[in-house]
C-alpha atoms as a PDB file:
ATOM      1  CA  UNK A   1      74.168 107.992  87.283  1.00  0.00           C
ATOM      2  CA  UNK A   2      74.181 110.504  90.104  1.00  0.00           C
ATOM      3  CA  UNK A   3      76.226 109.535  93.165  1.00  0.00           C
ATOM      4  CA  UNK A   4      76.004 110.918  96.684  1.00  0.00           C
ATOM      5  CA  UNK A   5      78.660 110.011  99.245  1.00  0.00           C
ATOM      6  CA  UNK A   6      77.846 110.609 102.899  1.00  0.00           C
ATOM      7  CA  UNK A   7      81.138 110.938 104.743  1.00  0.00           C
ATOM      8  CA  UNK A   8      84.316 112.105 103.007  1.00  0.00           C
ATOM      9  CA  UNK A   9      87.002 110.437 105.120  1.00  0.00           C
ATOM     10  CA  UNK A  10      89.391 107.675 104.105  1.00  0.00           C
ATOM     11  CA  UNK A  11      86.616 105.570 102.566  1.00  0.00           C
ATOM     12  CA  UNK A  12      84.154 108.085 101.166  1.00  0.00           C
ATOM     13  CA  UNK A  13      86.860 110.519 100.110  1.00  0.00           C
ATOM     14  CA  UNK A  14      88.616 107.885  98.029  1.00  0.00           C
ATOM     15  CA  UNK A  15      85.373 106.854  96.316  1.00  0.00           C
ATOM     16  CA  UNK A  16      84.497 110.477  95.629  1.00  0.00           C
ATOM     17  CA  UNK A  17      87.951 111.129  94.224  1.00  0.00           C
ATOM     18  CA  UNK A  18      87.834 108.246  91.726  1.00  0.00           C
ATOM     19  CA  UNK A  19      84.231 108.882  90.688  1.00  0.00           C
ATOM     20  CA  UNK A  20      84.857 112.603  90.196  1.00  0.00           C
ATOM     21  CA  UNK A  21      88.120 111.986  88.344  1.00  0.00           C
ATOM     22  CA  UNK A  22      86.192 109.804  85.874  1.00  0.00           C
ATOM     23  CA  UNK A  23      83.695 112.605  85.265  1.00  0.00           C
ATOM     24  CA  UNK A  24      80.783 111.139  87.189  1.00  0.00           C
ATOM     25  CA  UNK A  25      78.153 113.357  88.820  1.00  0.00           C
ATOM     26  CA  UNK A  26      79.301 112.831  92.390  1.00  0.00           C
ATOM     27  CA  UNK A  27      78.565 114.893  95.499  1.00  0.00           C
ATOM     28  CA  UNK A  28      80.472 114.519  98.765  1.00  0.00           C
ATOM     29  CA  UNK A  29      78.827 115.335 102.094  1.00  0.00           C
ATOM     30  CA  UNK A  30      81.327 116.756 104.583  1.00  0.00           C
ATOM     31  CA  UNK A  31      81.645 119.438 107.235  1.00  0.00           C
ATOM     32  CA  UNK A  32      84.012 121.869 108.876  1.00  0.00           C
ATOM     33  CA  UNK A  33      87.493 122.585 107.598  1.00  0.00           C
ATOM     34  CA  UNK A  34      87.525 119.457 105.418  1.00  0.00           C
ATOM     35  CA  UNK A  35      84.500 120.787 103.549  1.00  0.00           C
ATOM     36  CA  UNK A  36      86.013 124.263 103.206  1.00  0.00           C
ATOM     37  CA  UNK A  37      89.315 123.019 101.787  1.00  0.00           C
ATOM     38  CA  UNK A  38      87.646 120.669  99.304  1.00  0.00           C
ATOM     39  CA  UNK A  39      85.531 123.557  98.043  1.00  0.00           C
ATOM     40  CA  UNK A  40      88.401 125.983  97.691  1.00  0.00           C
ATOM     41  CA  UNK A  41      91.186 123.687  96.490  1.00  0.00           C
ATOM     42  CA  UNK A  42      89.654 120.338  95.602  1.00  0.00           C
ATOM     43  CA  UNK A  43      90.363 116.925  97.158  1.00  0.00           C
ATOM     44  CA  UNK A  44      93.996 115.797  97.221  1.00  0.00           C
ATOM     45  CA  UNK A  45      94.872 112.104  97.358  1.00  0.00           C
ATOM     46  CA  UNK A  46      98.408 111.020  98.200  1.00  0.00           C
ATOM     47  CA  UNK A  47      99.151 107.648  96.579  1.00  0.00           C
ATOM     48  CA  UNK A  48     101.700 106.468  99.116  1.00  0.00           C
ATOM     49  CA  UNK A  49     103.011 103.457  97.151  1.00  0.00           C
ATOM     50  CA  UNK A  50     103.960 105.759  94.262  1.00  0.00           C
ATOM     51  CA  UNK A  51     104.927 108.755  96.394  1.00  0.00           C
ATOM     52  CA  UNK A  52     102.782 111.109  94.329  1.00  0.00           C
ATOM     53  CA  UNK A  53      99.671 113.182  94.913  1.00  0.00           C
ATOM     54  CA  UNK A  54      96.831 114.403  92.704  1.00  0.00           C
ATOM     55  CA  UNK A  55      94.200 117.044  93.355  1.00  0.00           C
ATOM     56  CA  UNK A  56      90.710 116.591  91.950  1.00  0.00           C
ATOM     57  CA  UNK A  57      87.937 119.205  91.864  1.00  0.00           C
ATOM     58  CA  UNK A  58      84.875 117.823  93.667  1.00  0.00           C
ATOM     59  CA  UNK A  59      81.340 118.844  94.533  1.00  0.00           C
ATOM     60  CA  UNK A  60      81.101 119.153  98.319  1.00  0.00           C
ATOM     61  CA  UNK A  61      78.209 120.193 100.566  1.00  0.00           C
ATOM     62  CA  UNK A  62      77.019 120.104 104.118  1.00  0.00           C
ATOM     63  CA  UNK A  63      73.863 118.093 104.706  1.00  0.00           C
ATOM     64  CA  UNK A  64      71.850 121.260 105.185  1.00  0.00           C
ATOM     65  CA  UNK A  65      73.013 122.758 101.895  1.00  0.00           C
ATOM     66  CA  UNK A  66      72.328 119.580  99.986  1.00  0.00           C
ATOM     67  CA  UNK A  67      68.746 119.488 101.202  1.00  0.00           C
ATOM     68  CA  UNK A  68      68.151 123.188 100.541  1.00  0.00           C
ATOM     69  CA  UNK A  69      65.261 123.942  98.171  1.00  0.00           C
ATOM     70  CA  UNK A  70      67.441 125.896  95.753  1.00  0.00           C
ATOM     71  CA  UNK A  71      70.373 123.534  95.171  1.00  0.00           C
ATOM     72  CA  UNK A  72      71.926 125.676  92.476  1.00  0.00           C
ATOM     73  CA  UNK A  73      72.189 128.717  94.737  1.00  0.00           C
ATOM     74  CA  UNK A  74      73.042 126.719  97.837  1.00  0.00           C
ATOM     75  CA  UNK A  75      75.812 124.908  95.987  1.00  0.00           C
ATOM     76  CA  UNK A  76      77.341 127.709  93.986  1.00  0.00           C
ATOM     77  CA  UNK A  77      80.477 127.397  96.090  1.00  0.00           C
ATOM     78  CA  UNK A  78      80.202 123.628  96.291  1.00  0.00           C
ATOM     79  CA  UNK A  79      82.567 122.595  93.533  1.00  0.00           C
ATOM     80  CA  UNK A  80      86.175 123.704  93.411  1.00  0.00           C
ATOM     81  CA  UNK A  81      87.631 124.384  89.983  1.00  0.00           C
ATOM     82  CA  UNK A  82      91.107 123.508  91.234  1.00  0.00           C
ATOM     83  CA  UNK A  83      92.248 127.145  91.052  1.00  0.00           C
ATOM     84  CA  UNK A  84      90.812 128.469  94.267  1.00  0.00           C
ATOM     85  CA  UNK A  85      87.487 129.339  92.631  1.00  0.00           C
ATOM     86  CA  UNK A  86      84.225 127.492  92.237  1.00  0.00           C
ATOM     87  CA  UNK A  87      81.638 126.480  89.697  1.00  0.00           C
ATOM     88  CA  UNK A  88      77.887 126.224  90.087  1.00  0.00           C
ATOM     89  CA  UNK A  89      76.241 122.826  90.178  1.00  0.00           C
ATOM     90  CA  UNK A  90      74.535 121.936  86.921  1.00  0.00           C
ATOM     91  CA  UNK A  91      72.374 119.095  88.234  1.00  0.00           C
ATOM     92  CA  UNK A  92      68.653 119.431  88.813  1.00  0.00           C
ATOM     93  CA  UNK A  93      67.931 119.905  92.491  1.00  0.00           C
ATOM     94  CA  UNK A  94      64.654 118.002  92.539  1.00  0.00           C
ATOM     95  CA  UNK A  95      66.131 114.711  91.337  1.00  0.00           C
ATOM     96  CA  UNK A  96      67.151 112.167  93.968  1.00  0.00           C
ATOM     97  CA  UNK A  97      70.569 110.530  93.582  1.00  0.00           C
ATOM     98  CA  UNK A  98      70.702 107.138  91.911  1.00  0.00           C
ATOM     99  CA  UNK A  99      73.243 105.779  94.402  1.00  0.00           C
ATOM    100  CA  UNK A 100      74.137 106.795  97.953  1.00  0.00           C
ATOM    101  CA  UNK A 101      77.297 105.374  99.515  1.00  0.00           C
ATOM    102  CA  UNK A 102      77.147 105.661 103.298  1.00  0.00           C
ATOM    103  CA  UNK A 103      80.742 105.969 104.515  1.00  0.00           C
ATOM    104  CA  UNK A 104      80.469 107.187 108.103  1.00  0.00           C
ATOM    105  CA  UNK A 105      81.688 105.368 111.202  1.00  0.00           C
ATOM    106  CA  UNK A 106      79.222 103.105 112.982  1.00  0.00           C
ATOM    107  CA  UNK A 107      78.836 105.488 115.913  1.00  0.00           C
ATOM    108  CA  UNK A 108      77.721 108.248 113.501  1.00  0.00           C
ATOM    109  CA  UNK A 109      75.214 106.144 111.586  1.00  0.00           C
ATOM    110  CA  UNK A 110      72.177 107.099 113.663  1.00  0.00           C
ATOM    111  CA  UNK A 111      72.853 110.801 113.122  1.00  0.00           C
ATOM    112  CA  UNK A 112      72.694 110.535 109.306  1.00  0.00           C
ATOM    113  CA  UNK A 113      69.432 108.547 109.138  1.00  0.00           C
ATOM    114  CA  UNK A 114      67.189 111.663 108.853  1.00  0.00           C
ATOM    115  CA  UNK A 115      69.389 113.002 106.053  1.00  0.00           C
ATOM    116  CA  UNK A 116      69.262 109.701 104.157  1.00  0.00           C
ATOM    117  CA  UNK A 117      65.505 109.581 104.547  1.00  0.00           C
ATOM    118  CA  UNK A 118      65.199 113.063 102.996  1.00  0.00           C
ATOM    119  CA  UNK A 119      67.851 112.698 100.294  1.00  0.00           C
ATOM    120  CA  UNK A 120      66.924 109.252  98.929  1.00  0.00           C
ATOM    121  CA  UNK A 121      64.032 108.620  96.583  1.00  0.00           C
ATOM    122  CA  UNK A 122      62.149 105.313  96.238  1.00  0.00           C
ATOM    123  CA  UNK A 123      64.513 104.176  93.463  1.00  0.00           C
ATOM    124  CA  UNK A 124      67.735 105.335  95.107  1.00  0.00           C
ATOM    125  CA  UNK A 125      70.156 102.508  95.898  1.00  0.00           C
ATOM    126  CA  UNK A 126      71.608 103.028  99.380  1.00  0.00           C
ATOM    127  CA  UNK A 127      74.868 101.132  99.946  1.00  0.00           C
ATOM    128  CA  UNK A 128      76.394 101.301 103.436  1.00  0.00           C
ATOM    129  CA  UNK A 129      80.048 100.284 103.386  1.00  0.00           C
ATOM    130  CA  UNK A 130      80.844 100.525 107.066  1.00  0.00           C
ATOM    131  CA  UNK A 131      83.266  98.241 108.866  1.00  0.00           C
ATOM    132  CA  UNK A 132      80.545  96.615 110.966  1.00  0.00           C
ATOM    133  CA  UNK A 133      78.785  93.466 109.733  1.00  0.00           C
ATOM    134  CA  UNK A 134      75.005  93.643 109.319  1.00  0.00           C
ATOM    135  CA  UNK A 135      74.788  97.419 108.905  1.00  0.00           C
ATOM    136  CA  UNK A 136      72.530  97.226 105.854  1.00  0.00           C
ATOM    137  CA  UNK A 137      69.812  95.247 107.593  1.00  0.00           C
ATOM    138  CA  UNK A 138      69.837  97.551 110.608  1.00  0.00           C
ATOM    139  CA  UNK A 139      69.741 100.638 108.411  1.00  0.00           C
ATOM    140  CA  UNK A 140      66.869  99.219 106.357  1.00  0.00           C
ATOM    141  CA  UNK A 141      64.754  98.972 109.514  1.00  0.00           C
ATOM    142  CA  UNK A 142      65.280 102.705 110.097  1.00  0.00           C
ATOM    143  CA  UNK A 143      64.475 103.593 106.471  1.00  0.00           C
ATOM    144  CA  UNK A 144      61.239 101.779 105.587  1.00  0.00           C
ATOM    145  CA  UNK A 145      60.290 102.295 101.970  1.00  0.00           C
ATOM    146  CA  UNK A 146      63.909 102.873 100.898  1.00  0.00           C
ATOM    147  CA  UNK A 147      66.127 100.380  99.075  1.00  0.00           C
ATOM    148  CA  UNK A 148      69.064  99.626 101.386  1.00  0.00           C
ATOM    149  CA  UNK A 149      71.614  96.981 100.400  1.00  0.00           C
ATOM    150  CA  UNK A 150      74.611  95.602 102.228  1.00  0.00           C
ATOM    151  CA  UNK A 151      78.125  96.381 101.127  1.00  0.00           C
ATOM    152  CA  UNK A 152      81.780  96.494 102.064  1.00  0.00           C
ATOM    153  CA  UNK A 153      84.985  98.008 100.753  1.00  0.00           C
ATOM    154  CA  UNK A 154      88.612  96.922 100.588  1.00  0.00           C
ATOM    155  CA  UNK A 155      90.768 100.031 100.872  1.00  0.00           C
ATOM    156  CA  UNK A 156      93.589 101.275 103.072  1.00  0.00           C
ATOM    157  CA  UNK A 157      93.304 105.035 103.408  1.00  0.00           C
ATOM    158  CA  UNK A 158      92.813 107.762 105.970  1.00  0.00           C
ATOM    159  CA  UNK A 159      92.080 111.451 106.056  1.00  0.00           C
ATOM    160  CA  UNK A 160      95.436 112.956 106.930  1.00  0.00           C
ATOM    161  CA  UNK A 161      94.421 116.627 106.937  1.00  0.00           C
ATOM    162  CA  UNK A 162      91.517 118.749 105.728  1.00  0.00           C
ATOM    163  CA  UNK A 163      91.212 118.125 101.997  1.00  0.00           C
ATOM    164  CA  UNK A 164      93.927 115.455 102.033  1.00  0.00           C
ATOM    165  CA  UNK A 165      93.460 111.653 101.894  1.00  0.00           C
ATOM    166  CA  UNK A 166      96.411 109.264 102.143  1.00  0.00           C
ATOM    167  CA  UNK A 167      95.855 106.022 100.218  1.00  0.00           C
ATOM    168  CA  UNK A 168      98.385 103.524 101.538  1.00  0.00           C
ATOM    169  CA  UNK A 169      98.066 100.786  98.900  1.00  0.00           C
ATOM    170  CA  UNK A 170      96.393 100.417  95.480  1.00  0.00           C
ATOM    171  CA  UNK A 171      93.701  97.968  96.599  1.00  0.00           C
ATOM    172  CA  UNK A 172      90.225  99.448  96.003  1.00  0.00           C
ATOM    173  CA  UNK A 173      87.326  97.017  95.770  1.00  0.00           C
ATOM    174  CA  UNK A 174      83.635  97.602  96.548  1.00  0.00           C
ATOM    175  CA  UNK A 175      81.223  94.698  97.006  1.00  0.00           C
ATOM    176  CA  UNK A 176      77.488  95.245  97.295  1.00  0.00           C
ATOM    177  CA  UNK A 177      74.268  93.322  96.831  1.00  0.00           C
ATOM    178  CA  UNK A 178      70.828  92.370  98.059  1.00  0.00           C
ATOM    179  CA  UNK A 179      70.473  90.314 101.204  1.00  0.00           C
ATOM    180  CA  UNK A 180      68.673  86.975 101.251  1.00  0.00           C
ATOM    181  CA  UNK A 181      65.015  87.506 100.426  1.00  0.00           C
ATOM    182  CA  UNK A 182      65.623  91.035  99.130  1.00  0.00           C
ATOM    183  CA  UNK A 183      64.971  92.117  95.542  1.00  0.00           C
ATOM    184  CA  UNK A 184      68.092  92.385  93.363  1.00  0.00           C
ATOM    185  CA  UNK A 185      67.259  95.171  90.910  1.00  0.00           C
ATOM    186  CA  UNK A 186      68.819  95.341  87.416  1.00  0.00           C
ATOM    187  CA  UNK A 187      70.436  98.698  88.250  1.00  0.00           C
ATOM    188  CA  UNK A 188      72.940  96.874  90.471  1.00  0.00           C
ATOM    189  CA  UNK A 189      74.700  95.489  87.401  1.00  0.00           C
ATOM    190  CA  UNK A 190      74.863  99.027  85.986  1.00  0.00           C
ATOM    191  CA  UNK A 191      76.469 100.285  89.194  1.00  0.00           C
ATOM    192  CA  UNK A 192      79.062  97.516  88.958  1.00  0.00           C
ATOM    193  CA  UNK A 193      79.933  98.517  85.383  1.00  0.00           C
ATOM    194  CA  UNK A 194      80.123 102.189  86.291  1.00  0.00           C
ATOM    195  CA  UNK A 195      82.464 101.607  89.217  1.00  0.00           C
ATOM    196  CA  UNK A 196      84.814  99.518  87.105  1.00  0.00           C
ATOM    197  CA  UNK A 197      84.997 102.230  84.440  1.00  0.00           C
ATOM    198  CA  UNK A 198      86.019 104.672  87.185  1.00  0.00           C
ATOM    199  CA  UNK A 199      88.965 102.571  88.359  1.00  0.00           C
ATOM    200  CA  UNK A 200      87.118 101.028  91.300  1.00  0.00           C
ATOM    201  CA  UNK A 201      86.734  97.256  91.270  1.00  0.00           C
ATOM    202  CA  UNK A 202      82.969  96.955  91.650  1.00  0.00           C
ATOM    203  CA  UNK A 203      81.425  93.581  92.432  1.00  0.00           C
ATOM    204  CA  UNK A 204      77.678  92.936  92.476  1.00  0.00           C
ATOM    205  CA  UNK A 205      77.662  90.086  94.965  1.00  0.00           C
ATOM    206  CA  UNK A 206      75.045  87.348  94.858  1.00  0.00           C
ATOM    207  CA  UNK A 207      75.812  86.464  98.489  1.00  0.00           C
ATOM    208  CA  UNK A 208      76.610  89.774 100.132  1.00  0.00           C
ATOM    209  CA  UNK A 209      76.235  88.506 103.712  1.00  0.00           C
ATOM    210  CA  UNK A 210      78.949  85.912 103.108  1.00  0.00           C
ATOM    211  CA  UNK A 211      81.169  88.392 101.271  1.00  0.00           C
ATOM    212  CA  UNK A 212      80.661  91.084 103.922  1.00  0.00           C
ATOM    213  CA  UNK A 213      81.645  88.551 106.568  1.00  0.00           C
ATOM    214  CA  UNK A 214      84.723  87.816 104.469  1.00  0.00           C
ATOM    215  CA  UNK A 215      85.708  91.485 104.618  1.00  0.00           C
ATOM    216  CA  UNK A 216      84.813  91.546 108.308  1.00  0.00           C
ATOM    217  CA  UNK A 217      87.244  88.630 108.770  1.00  0.00           C
ATOM    218  CA  UNK A 218      90.026  91.094 107.983  1.00  0.00           C
ATOM    219  CA  UNK A 219      88.952  94.413 109.432  1.00  0.00           C
ATOM    220  CA  UNK A 220      87.696  93.016 112.739  1.00  0.00           C
ATOM    221  CA  UNK A 221      90.694  90.777 113.574  1.00  0.00           C
ATOM    222  CA  UNK A 222      93.291  93.329 112.515  1.00  0.00           C
ATOM    223  CA  UNK A 223      91.579  96.106 114.429  1.00  0.00           C
ATOM    224  CA  UNK A 224      91.128  93.943 117.509  1.00  0.00           C
ATOM    225  CA  UNK A 225      94.608  92.404 117.440  1.00  0.00           C
ATOM    226  CA  UNK A 226      96.190  95.748 116.609  1.00  0.00           C
ATOM    227  CA  UNK A 227      94.645  97.299 119.707  1.00  0.00           C
ATOM    228  CA  UNK A 228      95.399  94.273 121.876  1.00  0.00           C
ATOM    229  CA  UNK A 229      99.116  94.191 120.977  1.00  0.00           C
ATOM    230  CA  UNK A 230      99.590  97.868 120.149  1.00  0.00           C
ATOM    231  CA  UNK A 231     100.820  96.594 116.794  1.00  0.00           C
ATOM    232  CA  UNK A 232     101.034  97.855 113.204  1.00  0.00           C
ATOM    233  CA  UNK A 233     101.215  95.963 109.911  1.00  0.00           C
ATOM    234  CA  UNK A 234     104.961  95.362 110.181  1.00  0.00           C
ATOM    235  CA  UNK A 235     104.476  93.539 113.477  1.00  0.00           C
ATOM    236  CA  UNK A 236     101.975  91.141 111.933  1.00  0.00           C
ATOM    237  CA  UNK A 237     104.239  90.674 108.933  1.00  0.00           C
ATOM    238  CA  UNK A 238     107.293  89.680 110.988  1.00  0.00           C
ATOM    239  CA  UNK A 239     106.277  88.642 114.510  1.00  0.00           C
ATOM    240  CA  UNK A 240     105.213  84.980 114.411  1.00  0.00           C
ATOM    241  CA  UNK A 241     103.224  85.141 117.662  1.00  0.00           C
ATOM    242  CA  UNK A 242     101.188  88.156 116.576  1.00  0.00           C
ATOM    243  CA  UNK A 243     100.743  86.724 113.093  1.00  0.00           C
ATOM    244  CA  UNK A 244      99.421  83.446 114.517  1.00  0.00           C
ATOM    245  CA  UNK A 245      96.999  85.274 116.802  1.00  0.00           C
ATOM    246  CA  UNK A 246      95.696  87.315 113.865  1.00  0.00           C
ATOM    247  CA  UNK A 247      95.203  84.095 111.867  1.00  0.00           C
ATOM    248  CA  UNK A 248      93.370  82.466 114.773  1.00  0.00           C
ATOM    249  CA  UNK A 249      90.940  85.393 114.963  1.00  0.00           C
ATOM    250  CA  UNK A 250      90.235  85.055 111.229  1.00  0.00           C
ATOM    251  CA  UNK A 251      89.431  81.378 111.760  1.00  0.00           C
ATOM    252  CA  UNK A 252      87.013  82.310 114.540  1.00  0.00           C
ATOM    253  CA  UNK A 253      85.131  84.576 112.127  1.00  0.00           C
ATOM    254  CA  UNK A 254      85.071  81.700 109.619  1.00  0.00           C
ATOM    255  CA  UNK A 255      83.496  79.456 112.268  1.00  0.00           C
ATOM    256  CA  UNK A 256      80.930  82.156 112.969  1.00  0.00           C
ATOM    257  CA  UNK A 257      80.143  82.502 109.246  1.00  0.00           C
ATOM    258  CA  UNK A 258      79.512  78.757 109.002  1.00  0.00           C
ATOM    259  CA  UNK A 259      77.235  78.825 112.050  1.00  0.00           C
ATOM    260  CA  UNK A 260      75.277  81.676 110.453  1.00  0.00           C
ATOM    261  CA  UNK A 261      74.837  79.595 107.255  1.00  0.00           C
ATOM    262  CA  UNK A 262      77.171  81.798 105.200  1.00  0.00           C
ATOM    263  CA  UNK A 263      80.166  79.420 104.959  1.00  0.00           C
ATOM    264  CA  UNK A 264      83.264  80.861 103.316  1.00  0.00           C
ATOM    265  CA  UNK A 265      84.207  79.497  99.902  1.00  0.00           C
ATOM    266  CA  UNK A 266      87.781  80.738 100.163  1.00  0.00           C
ATOM    267  CA  UNK A 267      90.643  80.532 102.651  1.00  0.00           C
ATOM    268  CA  UNK A 268      90.423  83.970 104.230  1.00  0.00           C
ATOM    269  CA  UNK A 269      93.503  83.366 106.358  1.00  0.00           C
ATOM    270  CA  UNK A 270      95.563  83.177 103.181  1.00  0.00           C
ATOM    271  CA  UNK A 271      93.709  86.053 101.505  1.00  0.00           C
ATOM    272  CA  UNK A 272      93.952  88.354 104.529  1.00  0.00           C
ATOM    273  CA  UNK A 273      97.615  87.576 105.093  1.00  0.00           C
ATOM    274  CA  UNK A 274      98.276  88.505 101.482  1.00  0.00           C
ATOM    275  CA  UNK A 275      96.533  91.847 102.027  1.00  0.00           C
ATOM    276  CA  UNK A 276      98.463  92.401 105.248  1.00  0.00           C
ATOM    277  CA  UNK A 277     101.821  91.581 103.694  1.00  0.00           C
ATOM    278  CA  UNK A 278     101.344  94.177 100.935  1.00  0.00           C
ATOM    279  CA  UNK A 279     100.744  97.053 103.344  1.00  0.00           C
ATOM    280  CA  UNK A 280     103.457  99.531 104.342  1.00  0.00           C
ATOM    281  CA  UNK A 281     104.905  98.282 107.660  1.00  0.00           C
ATOM    282  CA  UNK A 282     103.784 101.383 109.579  1.00  0.00           C
ATOM    283  CA  UNK A 283     100.105 100.979 108.635  1.00  0.00           C
ATOM    284  CA  UNK A 284      97.673 100.897 111.550  1.00  0.00           C
ATOM    285  CA  UNK A 285      93.853 100.882 111.646  1.00  0.00           C
ATOM    286  CA  UNK A 286      91.305 103.663 111.975  1.00  0.00           C
ATOM    287  CA  UNK A 287      90.144 102.156 115.261  1.00  0.00           C
ATOM    288  CA  UNK A 288      93.678 102.349 116.651  1.00  0.00           C
ATOM    289  CA  UNK A 289      93.963 105.975 115.574  1.00  0.00           C
ATOM    290  CA  UNK A 290      90.599 106.833 117.137  1.00  0.00           C
ATOM    291  CA  UNK A 291      91.492 105.184 120.435  1.00  0.00           C
ATOM    292  CA  UNK A 292      94.935 106.800 120.520  1.00  0.00           C
ATOM    293  CA  UNK A 293      93.350 110.220 119.966  1.00  0.00           C
ATOM    294  CA  UNK A 294      90.741 109.660 122.666  1.00  0.00           C
ATOM    295  CA  UNK A 295      87.922 109.728 120.123  1.00  0.00           C
ATOM    296  CA  UNK A 296      84.885 107.491 119.912  1.00  0.00           C
ATOM    297  CA  UNK A 297      85.766 104.209 118.204  1.00  0.00           C
ATOM    298  CA  UNK A 298      84.124 101.184 116.605  1.00  0.00           C
ATOM    299  CA  UNK A 299      85.382  98.789 119.274  1.00  0.00           C
ATOM    300  CA  UNK A 300      81.846  97.681 120.172  1.00  0.00           C
ATOM    301  CA  UNK A 301      81.002  96.600 116.634  1.00  0.00           C
ATOM    302  CA  UNK A 302      84.403  95.160 115.775  1.00  0.00           C
ATOM    303  CA  UNK A 303      85.102  93.293 119.019  1.00  0.00           C
ATOM    304  CA  UNK A 304      82.296  92.984 121.560  1.00  0.00           C
ATOM    305  CA  UNK A 305      79.614  92.330 118.940  1.00  0.00           C
ATOM    306  CA  UNK A 306      81.611  89.307 117.733  1.00  0.00           C
ATOM    307  CA  UNK A 307      81.648  87.816 121.227  1.00  0.00           C
ATOM    308  CA  UNK A 308      77.879  88.336 121.491  1.00  0.00           C
ATOM    309  CA  UNK A 309      77.338  86.746 118.086  1.00  0.00           C
ATOM    310  CA  UNK A 310      79.406  83.774 119.196  1.00  0.00           C
ATOM    311  CA  UNK A 311      77.199  83.317 122.240  1.00  0.00           C
ATOM    312  CA  UNK A 312      74.079  83.623 120.092  1.00  0.00           C
ATOM    313  CA  UNK A 313      75.251  80.755 117.896  1.00  0.00           C
ATOM    314  CA  UNK A 314      76.681  78.670 120.719  1.00  0.00           C
ATOM    315  CA  UNK A 315      80.325  79.185 119.771  1.00  0.00           C
ATOM    316  CA  UNK A 316      83.357  79.695 121.952  1.00  0.00           C
ATOM    317  CA  UNK A 317      85.654  82.291 120.374  1.00  0.00           C
ATOM    318  CA  UNK A 318      88.643  82.248 122.749  1.00  0.00           C
ATOM    319  CA  UNK A 319      90.787  84.850 120.948  1.00  0.00           C
ATOM    320  CA  UNK A 320      87.953  87.345 120.722  1.00  0.00           C
ATOM    321  CA  UNK A 321      86.958  86.675 124.317  1.00  0.00           C
ATOM    322  CA  UNK A 322      90.549  87.292 125.419  1.00  0.00           C
ATOM    323  CA  UNK A 323      90.794  90.547 123.475  1.00  0.00           C
ATOM    324  CA  UNK A 324      87.375  91.740 124.654  1.00  0.00           C
ATOM    325  CA  UNK A 325      88.284  91.104 128.292  1.00  0.00           C
ATOM    326  CA  UNK A 326      91.558  93.019 127.963  1.00  0.00           C
ATOM    327  CA  UNK A 327      90.011  95.971 126.136  1.00  0.00           C
ATOM    328  CA  UNK A 328      87.230  96.153 128.698  1.00  0.00           C
ATOM    329  CA  UNK A 329      89.894  96.162 131.428  1.00  0.00           C
ATOM    330  CA  UNK A 330      91.443  99.176 129.664  1.00  0.00           C
ATOM    331  CA  UNK A 331      88.089 100.947 129.773  1.00  0.00           C
ATOM    332  CA  UNK A 332      87.401 100.736 126.022  1.00  0.00           C
ATOM    333  CA  UNK A 333      83.769  99.717 126.266  1.00  0.00           C
ATOM    334  CA  UNK A 334      80.834 102.106 126.142  1.00  0.00           C
END
């Protein structure tokens, strides 16, 4: 199958690395210096838990190049050979990708909609794996006639420098599936098999809304609590007060999932604590890094949206309300 990954940061870059390493036809969409370095030298991933790095040749394009009529000419410099040179793309330009992973931040999603509309064919499977719950349904409304699923990813990684991704821990799991009332096509099982062959734990979920909320029960509380306390993984591993607050936020997401008729089948407090406890103590979140750098962040989708969802379903979510009030006081709301 032919894979297209829109966004080559900590999430998309890791997927592109593993797919390319396994010999899959995979194209990464990037820009700027990150794009230039990947073309000239390949994509380097630092596996922090093993203190080793590997560089993988990848196909990399800008959006404009990818959509160019003559893909072979436009992409002649698109794939690094690992020696500072490049190789031409052998794929047929007229064929749409089989799978598109959308790996941009929520605040960039609107800007990639025209590209997705042009790049995807009627049979292309579009899988957004953003941090924000409900992205697939919202994206489907903007792409009528396309096949947009929901999805999520468990990974701890960030783009450390142009052409360099730091993967903090070995966890790498992608869940995807059709929403309630949406057709589940046979190709989804093929995608699951393909991902697993490539070293990515792929899971074709039969209840993706519930499973996406399960992932959200980690990424939202840890991002929110991390900002609120100015804390990193080591603080939540050792500080009982912070750890209890993090657990309470997970329980609030569980209450929300039940109210939405997607009740959890597992104890996500236990599961998320296990994930947390395996991280290097200095690990923070992408939202913390964005806020610290003065960049746009996903605070609306990860914090304020939860409070609004609670009100919609008649729930009081005291931890989220407390965090939202404090972050708004700090001026972190659009």
